[in-house]
Amino acid sequence: MPLINKMEKRTPKGTLSVRVEETVKEQLDLYCNFMQCGRQHVVDQALRLLFERDADFQAWLARRSESEHGQAVGAG
């Protein structure tokens, strides 16, 4: 079962240009072929999966959000 979801709907996109190792590019192209979709969809979904499953990142986001919320409340 693939880890990446099939593309379901069009949403607004930003532009990102990155360089990766040739072996990563080759694997990306193979995965795109497997999923029958484009690179941008696979990269988008892979990053979403990374962000969602990284517990340290999620904890950092929560602390950041709490900090920003506390500043906004105290600023009024």
PDB file of N, CA and C in Angstrom:
ATOM      1  N   MET A   1       0.847  -1.178   0.000  1.00  0.00           N
ATOM      2  CA  MET A   1       0.000   0.000   0.000  1.00  0.00           C
ATOM      3  C   MET A   1       0.895   1.243   0.000  1.00  0.00           C
ATOM      4  N   PRO A   2       0.676   2.160  -0.924  1.00  0.00           N
ATOM      5  CA  PRO A   2       1.499   3.363  -0.994  1.00  0.00           C
ATOM      6  C   PRO A   2       1.316   4.259   0.225  1.00  0.00           C
ATOM      7  N   LEU A   3       2.379   4.947   0.617  1.00  0.00           N
ATOM      8  CA  LEU A   3       2.297   5.913   1.717  1.00  0.00           C
ATOM      9  C   LEU A   3       1.736   7.246   1.250  1.00  0.00           C
ATOM     10  N   ILE A   4       1.850   7.525  -0.034  1.00  0.00           N
ATOM     11  CA  ILE A   4       1.411   8.793  -0.599  1.00  0.00           C
ATOM     12  C   ILE A   4      -0.009   8.634  -1.122  1.00  0.00           C
ATOM     13  N   ASN A   5      -0.859   9.607  -0.787  1.00  0.00           N
ATOM     14  CA  ASN A   5      -2.232   9.592  -1.279  1.00  0.00           C
ATOM     15  C   ASN A   5      -2.275   9.979  -2.748  1.00  0.00           C
ATOM     16  N   LYS A   6      -3.222   9.409  -3.480  1.00  0.00           N
ATOM     17  CA  LYS A   6      -3.426   9.824  -4.857  1.00  0.00           C
ATOM     18  C   LYS A   6      -3.983  11.241  -4.867  1.00  0.00           C
ATOM     19  N   MET A   7      -3.686  11.975  -5.930  1.00  0.00           N
ATOM     20  CA  MET A   7      -4.143  13.344  -6.038  1.00  0.00           C
ATOM     21  C   MET A   7      -5.669  13.354  -6.160  1.00  0.00           C
ATOM     22  N   GLU A   8      -6.326  14.120  -5.299  1.00  0.00           N
ATOM     23  CA  GLU A   8      -7.777  14.147  -5.287  1.00  0.00           C
ATOM     24  C   GLU A   8      -8.358  15.436  -5.840  1.00  0.00           C
ATOM     25  N   LYS A   9      -7.784  16.575  -5.463  1.00  0.00           N
ATOM     26  CA  LYS A   9      -8.345  17.831  -5.927  1.00  0.00           C
ATOM     27  C   LYS A   9      -7.234  18.846  -6.112  1.00  0.00           C
ATOM     28  N   ARG A  10      -7.541  19.869  -6.852  1.00  0.00           N
ATOM     29  CA  ARG A  10      -6.573  20.941  -7.087  1.00  0.00           C
ATOM     30  C   ARG A  10      -6.662  21.965  -5.959  1.00  0.00           C
ATOM     31  N   THR A  11      -5.525  22.330  -5.423  1.00  0.00           N
ATOM     32  CA  THR A  11      -5.468  23.379  -4.412  1.00  0.00           C
ATOM     33  C   THR A  11      -4.407  24.379  -4.839  1.00  0.00           C
ATOM     34  N   PRO A  12      -4.472  25.605  -4.330  1.00  0.00           N
ATOM     35  CA  PRO A  12      -3.451  26.592  -4.693  1.00  0.00           C
ATOM     36  C   PRO A  12      -2.053  26.086  -4.343  1.00  0.00           C
ATOM     37  N   LYS A  13      -1.109  26.354  -5.219  1.00  0.00           N
ATOM     38  CA  LYS A  13       0.255  25.855  -5.042  1.00  0.00           C
ATOM     39  C   LYS A  13       1.231  27.016  -4.971  1.00  0.00           C
ATOM     40  N   GLY A  14       2.279  26.842  -4.179  1.00  0.00           N
ATOM     41  CA  GLY A  14       3.414  27.750  -4.158  1.00  0.00           C
ATOM     42  C   GLY A  14       4.519  27.128  -5.001  1.00  0.00           C
ATOM     43  N   THR A  15       5.554  27.881  -5.248  1.00  0.00           N
ATOM     44  CA  THR A  15       6.660  27.389  -6.055  1.00  0.00           C
ATOM     45  C   THR A  15       7.856  27.111  -5.164  1.00  0.00           C
ATOM     46  N   LEU A  16       8.509  25.997  -5.411  1.00  0.00           N
ATOM     47  CA  LEU A  16       9.677  25.587  -4.656  1.00  0.00           C
ATOM     48  C   LEU A  16      10.656  24.951  -5.632  1.00  0.00           C
ATOM     49  N   SER A  17      11.882  25.391  -5.597  1.00  0.00           N
ATOM     50  CA  SER A  17      12.912  24.811  -6.462  1.00  0.00           C
ATOM     51  C   SER A  17      14.004  24.244  -5.567  1.00  0.00           C
ATOM     52  N   VAL A  18      14.278  22.965  -5.718  1.00  0.00           N
ATOM     53  CA  VAL A  18      15.293  22.312  -4.888  1.00  0.00           C
ATOM     54  C   VAL A  18      16.203  21.445  -5.752  1.00  0.00           C
ATOM     55  N   ARG A  19      17.380  21.185  -5.222  1.00  0.00           N
ATOM     56  CA  ARG A  19      18.312  20.256  -5.856  1.00  0.00           C
ATOM     57  C   ARG A  19      18.443  19.053  -4.929  1.00  0.00           C
ATOM     58  N   VAL A  20      18.398  17.871  -5.500  1.00  0.00           N
ATOM     59  CA  VAL A  20      18.544  16.641  -4.725  1.00  0.00           C
ATOM     60  C   VAL A  20      19.602  15.773  -5.385  1.00  0.00           C
ATOM     61  N   GLU A  21      20.100  14.805  -4.629  1.00  0.00           N
ATOM     62  CA  GLU A  21      21.062  13.860  -5.193  1.00  0.00           C
ATOM     63  C   GLU A  21      20.411  13.118  -6.359  1.00  0.00           C
ATOM     64  N   GLU A  22      21.218  12.744  -7.318  1.00  0.00           N
ATOM     65  CA  GLU A  22      20.711  12.065  -8.516  1.00  0.00           C
ATOM     66  C   GLU A  22      19.943  10.788  -8.148  1.00  0.00           C
ATOM     67  N   THR A  23      20.422  10.049  -7.150  1.00  0.00           N
ATOM     68  CA  THR A  23      19.729   8.810  -6.759  1.00  0.00           C
ATOM     69  C   THR A  23      18.350   9.119  -6.181  1.00  0.00           C
ATOM     70  N   VAL A  24      18.223  10.233  -5.471  1.00  0.00           N
ATOM     71  CA  VAL A  24      16.916  10.634  -4.929  1.00  0.00           C
ATOM     72  C   VAL A  24      15.980  10.985  -6.075  1.00  0.00           C
ATOM     73  N   LYS A  25      16.488  11.710  -7.055  1.00  0.00           N
ATOM     74  CA  LYS A  25      15.682  12.075  -8.229  1.00  0.00           C
ATOM     75  C   LYS A  25      15.203  10.825  -8.965  1.00  0.00           C
ATOM     76  N   GLU A  26      16.109   9.858  -9.126  1.00  0.00           N
ATOM     77  CA  GLU A  26      15.742   8.619  -9.808  1.00  0.00           C
ATOM     78  C   GLU A  26      14.650   7.876  -9.044  1.00  0.00           C
ATOM     79  N   GLN A  27      14.795   7.799  -7.723  1.00  0.00           N
ATOM     80  CA  GLN A  27      13.774   7.132  -6.906  1.00  0.00           C
ATOM     81  C   GLN A  27      12.446   7.890  -6.969  1.00  0.00           C
ATOM     82  N   LEU A  28      12.522   9.218  -6.962  1.00  0.00           N
ATOM     83  CA  LEU A  28      11.315  10.039  -7.074  1.00  0.00           C
ATOM     84  C   LEU A  28      10.599   9.738  -8.383  1.00  0.00           C
ATOM     85  N   ASP A  29      11.347   9.694  -9.464  1.00  0.00           N
ATOM     86  CA  ASP A  29      10.735   9.403 -10.757  1.00  0.00           C
ATOM     87  C   ASP A  29      10.113   8.011 -10.793  1.00  0.00           C
ATOM     88  N   LEU A  30      10.794   7.041 -10.188  1.00  0.00           N
ATOM     89  CA  LEU A  30      10.228   5.691 -10.127  1.00  0.00           C
ATOM     90  C   LEU A  30       8.948   5.668  -9.296  1.00  0.00           C
ATOM     91  N   TYR A  31       8.955   6.396  -8.172  1.00  0.00           N
ATOM     92  CA  TYR A  31       7.765   6.435  -7.320  1.00  0.00           C
ATOM     93  C   TYR A  31       6.614   7.123  -8.049  1.00  0.00           C
ATOM     94  N   CYS A  32       6.922   8.180  -8.783  1.00  0.00           N
ATOM     95  CA  CYS A  32       5.893   8.865  -9.577  1.00  0.00           C
ATOM     96  C   CYS A  32       5.296   7.919 -10.611  1.00  0.00           C
ATOM     97  N   ASN A  33       6.148   7.133 -11.225  1.00  0.00           N
ATOM     98  CA  ASN A  33       5.677   6.144 -12.192  1.00  0.00           C
ATOM     99  C   ASN A  33       4.769   5.134 -11.503  1.00  0.00           C
ATOM    100  N   PHE A  34       5.189   4.648 -10.341  1.00  0.00           N
ATOM    101  CA  PHE A  34       4.400   3.708  -9.546  1.00  0.00           C
ATOM    102  C   PHE A  34       3.035   4.293  -9.180  1.00  0.00           C
ATOM    103  N   MET A  35       3.033   5.558  -8.758  1.00  0.00           N
ATOM    104  CA  MET A  35       1.786   6.218  -8.335  1.00  0.00           C
ATOM    105  C   MET A  35       1.002   6.815  -9.495  1.00  0.00           C
ATOM    106  N   GLN A  36       1.615   6.885 -10.659  1.00  0.00           N
ATOM    107  CA  GLN A  36       1.013   7.491 -11.840  1.00  0.00           C
ATOM    108  C   GLN A  36       0.609   8.937 -11.567  1.00  0.00           C
ATOM    109  N   CYS A  37       1.567   9.706 -11.061  1.00  0.00           N
ATOM    110  CA  CYS A  37       1.326  11.118 -10.796  1.00  0.00           C
ATOM    111  C   CYS A  37       2.636  11.883 -10.974  1.00  0.00           C
ATOM    112  N   GLY A  38       2.560  13.195 -10.843  1.00  0.00           N
ATOM    113  CA  GLY A  38       3.729  14.036 -11.053  1.00  0.00           C
ATOM    114  C   GLY A  38       4.584  14.200  -9.810  1.00  0.00           C
ATOM    115  N   ARG A  39       5.784  14.717 -10.034  1.00  0.00           N
ATOM    116  CA  ARG A  39       6.731  14.939  -8.943  1.00  0.00           C
ATOM    117  C   ARG A  39       6.172  15.863  -7.870  1.00  0.00           C
ATOM    118  N   GLN A  40       5.520  16.941  -8.301  1.00  0.00           N
ATOM    119  CA  GLN A  40       5.065  17.910  -7.305  1.00  0.00           C
ATOM    120  C   GLN A  40       4.093  17.285  -6.320  1.00  0.00           C
ATOM    121  N   HIS A  41       3.254  16.386  -6.763  1.00  0.00           N
ATOM    122  CA  HIS A  41       2.303  15.739  -5.856  1.00  0.00           C
ATOM    123  C   HIS A  41       3.037  14.840  -4.855  1.00  0.00           C
ATOM    124  N   VAL A  42       3.999  14.063  -5.342  1.00  0.00           N
ATOM    125  CA  VAL A  42       4.735  13.156  -4.460  1.00  0.00           C
ATOM    126  C   VAL A  42       5.528  13.951  -3.426  1.00  0.00           C
ATOM    127  N   VAL A  43       6.204  15.007  -3.856  1.00  0.00           N
ATOM    128  CA  VAL A  43       6.980  15.821  -2.924  1.00  0.00           C
ATOM    129  C   VAL A  43       6.058  16.482  -1.910  1.00  0.00           C
ATOM    130  N   ASP A  44       4.944  17.027  -2.364  1.00  0.00           N
ATOM    131  CA  ASP A  44       3.981  17.661  -1.460  1.00  0.00           C
ATOM    132  C   ASP A  44       3.477  16.674  -0.406  1.00  0.00           C
ATOM    133  N   GLN A  45       3.076  15.496  -0.844  1.00  0.00           N
ATOM    134  CA  GLN A  45       2.543  14.498   0.082  1.00  0.00           C
ATOM    135  C   GLN A  45       3.627  13.947   1.007  1.00  0.00           C
ATOM    136  N   ALA A  46       4.845  13.770   0.486  1.00  0.00           N
ATOM    137  CA  ALA A  46       5.937  13.266   1.321  1.00  0.00           C
ATOM    138  C   ALA A  46       6.277  14.266   2.424  1.00  0.00           C
ATOM    139  N   LEU A  47       6.295  15.555   2.095  1.00  0.00           N
ATOM    140  CA  LEU A  47       6.573  16.567   3.110  1.00  0.00           C
ATOM    141  C   LEU A  47       5.448  16.629   4.143  1.00  0.00           C
ATOM    142  N   ARG A  48       4.213  16.529   3.695  1.00  0.00           N
ATOM    143  CA  ARG A  48       3.087  16.509   4.637  1.00  0.00           C
ATOM    144  C   ARG A  48       3.219  15.335   5.606  1.00  0.00           C
ATOM    145  N   LEU A  49       3.579  14.177   5.067  1.00  0.00           N
ATOM    146  CA  LEU A  49       3.761  12.978   5.887  1.00  0.00           C
ATOM    147  C   LEU A  49       4.894  13.181   6.896  1.00  0.00           C
ATOM    148  N   LEU A  50       5.983  13.756   6.446  1.00  0.00           N
ATOM    149  CA  LEU A  50       7.103  14.043   7.333  1.00  0.00           C
ATOM    150  C   LEU A  50       6.677  14.970   8.463  1.00  0.00           C
ATOM    151  N   PHE A  51       6.033  16.076   8.129  1.00  0.00           N
ATOM    152  CA  PHE A  51       5.617  17.053   9.134  1.00  0.00           C
ATOM    153  C   PHE A  51       4.643  16.433  10.139  1.00  0.00           C
ATOM    154  N   GLU A  52       3.741  15.611   9.643  1.00  0.00           N
ATOM    155  CA  GLU A  52       2.714  14.995  10.487  1.00  0.00           C
ATOM    156  C   GLU A  52       3.292  13.959  11.446  1.00  0.00           C
ATOM    157  N   ARG A  53       4.277  13.207  10.988  1.00  0.00           N
ATOM    158  CA  ARG A  53       4.790  12.087  11.790  1.00  0.00           C
ATOM    159  C   ARG A  53       6.007  12.417  12.644  1.00  0.00           C
ATOM    160  N   ASP A  54       6.585  13.601  12.484  1.00  0.00           N
ATOM    161  CA  ASP A  54       7.769  13.974  13.262  1.00  0.00           C
ATOM    162  C   ASP A  54       7.301  14.545  14.601  1.00  0.00           C
ATOM    163  N   ALA A  55       7.385  13.734  15.654  1.00  0.00           N
ATOM    164  CA  ALA A  55       6.885  14.137  16.975  1.00  0.00           C
ATOM    165  C   ALA A  55       7.627  15.352  17.521  1.00  0.00           C
ATOM    166  N   ASP A  56       8.923  15.424  17.311  1.00  0.00           N
ATOM    167  CA  ASP A  56       9.686  16.581  17.789  1.00  0.00           C
ATOM    168  C   ASP A  56       9.235  17.862  17.087  1.00  0.00           C
ATOM    169  N   PHE A  57       8.995  17.775  15.796  1.00  0.00           N
ATOM    170  CA  PHE A  57       8.509  18.934  15.049  1.00  0.00           C
ATOM    171  C   PHE A  57       7.134  19.354  15.547  1.00  0.00           C
ATOM    172  N   GLN A  58       6.260  18.387  15.790  1.00  0.00           N
ATOM    173  CA  GLN A  58       4.917  18.690  16.288  1.00  0.00           C
ATOM    174  C   GLN A  58       4.984  19.369  17.656  1.00  0.00           C
ATOM    175  N   ALA A  59       5.870  18.885  18.528  1.00  0.00           N
ATOM    176  CA  ALA A  59       6.037  19.504  19.849  1.00  0.00           C
ATOM    177  C   ALA A  59       6.563  20.926  19.699  1.00  0.00           C
ATOM    178  N   TRP A  60       7.512  21.119  18.801  1.00  0.00           N
ATOM    179  CA  TRP A  60       8.064  22.450  18.556  1.00  0.00           C
ATOM    180  C   TRP A  60       6.976  23.391  18.045  1.00  0.00           C
ATOM    181  N   LEU A  61       6.152  22.895  17.116  1.00  0.00           N
ATOM    182  CA  LEU A  61       5.045  23.713  16.600  1.00  0.00           C
ATOM    183  C   LEU A  61       4.079  24.108  17.715  1.00  0.00           C
ATOM    184  N   ALA A  62       3.780  23.171  18.598  1.00  0.00           N
ATOM    185  CA  ALA A  62       2.856  23.448  19.699  1.00  0.00           C
ATOM    186  C   ALA A  62       3.425  24.520  20.620  1.00  0.00           C
ATOM    187  N   ARG A  63       4.709  24.402  20.958  1.00  0.00           N
ATOM    188  CA  ARG A  63       5.348  25.421  21.805  1.00  0.00           C
ATOM    189  C   ARG A  63       5.352  26.774  21.114  1.00  0.00           C
ATOM    190  N   ARG A  64       5.628  26.778  19.842  1.00  0.00           N
ATOM    191  CA  ARG A  64       5.658  28.022  19.065  1.00  0.00           C
ATOM    192  C   ARG A  64       4.268  28.655  19.037  1.00  0.00           C
ATOM    193  N   SER A  65       3.257  27.839  18.814  1.00  0.00           N
ATOM    194  CA  SER A  65       1.889  28.323  18.770  1.00  0.00           C
ATOM    195  C   SER A  65       1.469  28.892  20.124  1.00  0.00           C
ATOM    196  N   GLU A  66       1.805  28.176  21.198  1.00  0.00           N
ATOM    197  CA  GLU A  66       1.482  28.655  22.548  1.00  0.00           C
ATOM    198  C   GLU A  66       2.173  29.986  22.824  1.00  0.00           C
ATOM    199  N   SER A  67       3.416  30.100  22.406  1.00  0.00           N
ATOM    200  CA  SER A  67       4.178  31.320  22.609  1.00  0.00           C
ATOM    201  C   SER A  67       3.547  32.479  21.847  1.00  0.00           C
ATOM    202  N   GLU A  68       3.204  32.257  20.595  1.00  0.00           N
ATOM    203  CA  GLU A  68       2.576  33.306  19.786  1.00  0.00           C
ATOM    204  C   GLU A  68       1.202  33.674  20.336  1.00  0.00           C
ATOM    205  N   HIS A  69       0.453  32.680  20.790  1.00  0.00           N
ATOM    206  CA  HIS A  69      -0.878  32.937  21.350  1.00  0.00           C
ATOM    207  C   HIS A  69      -0.752  33.760  22.637  1.00  0.00           C
ATOM    208  N   GLY A  70       0.218  33.420  23.477  1.00  0.00           N
ATOM    209  CA  GLY A  70       0.446  34.147  24.727  1.00  0.00           C
ATOM    210  C   GLY A  70       0.839  35.587  24.476  1.00  0.00           C
ATOM    211  N   GLN A  71       1.649  35.837  23.458  1.00  0.00           N
ATOM    212  CA  GLN A  71       2.054  37.194  23.120  1.00  0.00           C
ATOM    213  C   GLN A  71       0.873  37.987  22.600  1.00  0.00           C
ATOM    214  N   ALA A  72       0.030  37.371  21.784  1.00  0.00           N
ATOM    215  CA  ALA A  72      -1.127  38.062  21.225  1.00  0.00           C
ATOM    216  C   ALA A  72      -2.124  38.433  22.323  1.00  0.00           C
ATOM    217  N   VAL A  73      -2.333  37.529  23.277  1.00  0.00           N
ATOM    218  CA  VAL A  73      -3.258  37.788  24.370  1.00  0.00           C
ATOM    219  C   VAL A  73      -2.721  38.899  25.265  1.00  0.00           C
ATOM    220  N   GLY A  74      -1.440  38.873  25.566  1.00  0.00           N
ATOM    221  CA  GLY A  74      -0.836  39.863  26.433  1.00  0.00           C
ATOM    222  C   GLY A  74      -0.672  41.229  25.775  1.00  0.00           C
ATOM    223  N   ALA A  75      -0.707  41.263  24.446  1.00  0.00           N
ATOM    224  CA  ALA A  75      -0.468  42.524  23.731  1.00  0.00           C
ATOM    225  C   ALA A  75      -1.648  43.455  23.786  1.00  0.00           C
ATOM    226  N   GLY A  76      -2.856  42.932  24.035  1.00  0.00           N
ATOM    227  CA  GLY A  76      -4.082  43.734  23.952  1.00  0.00           C
ATOM    228  C   GLY A  76      -4.265  44.583  25.097  1.00  0.00           C
TER     229      GLY A  76
END
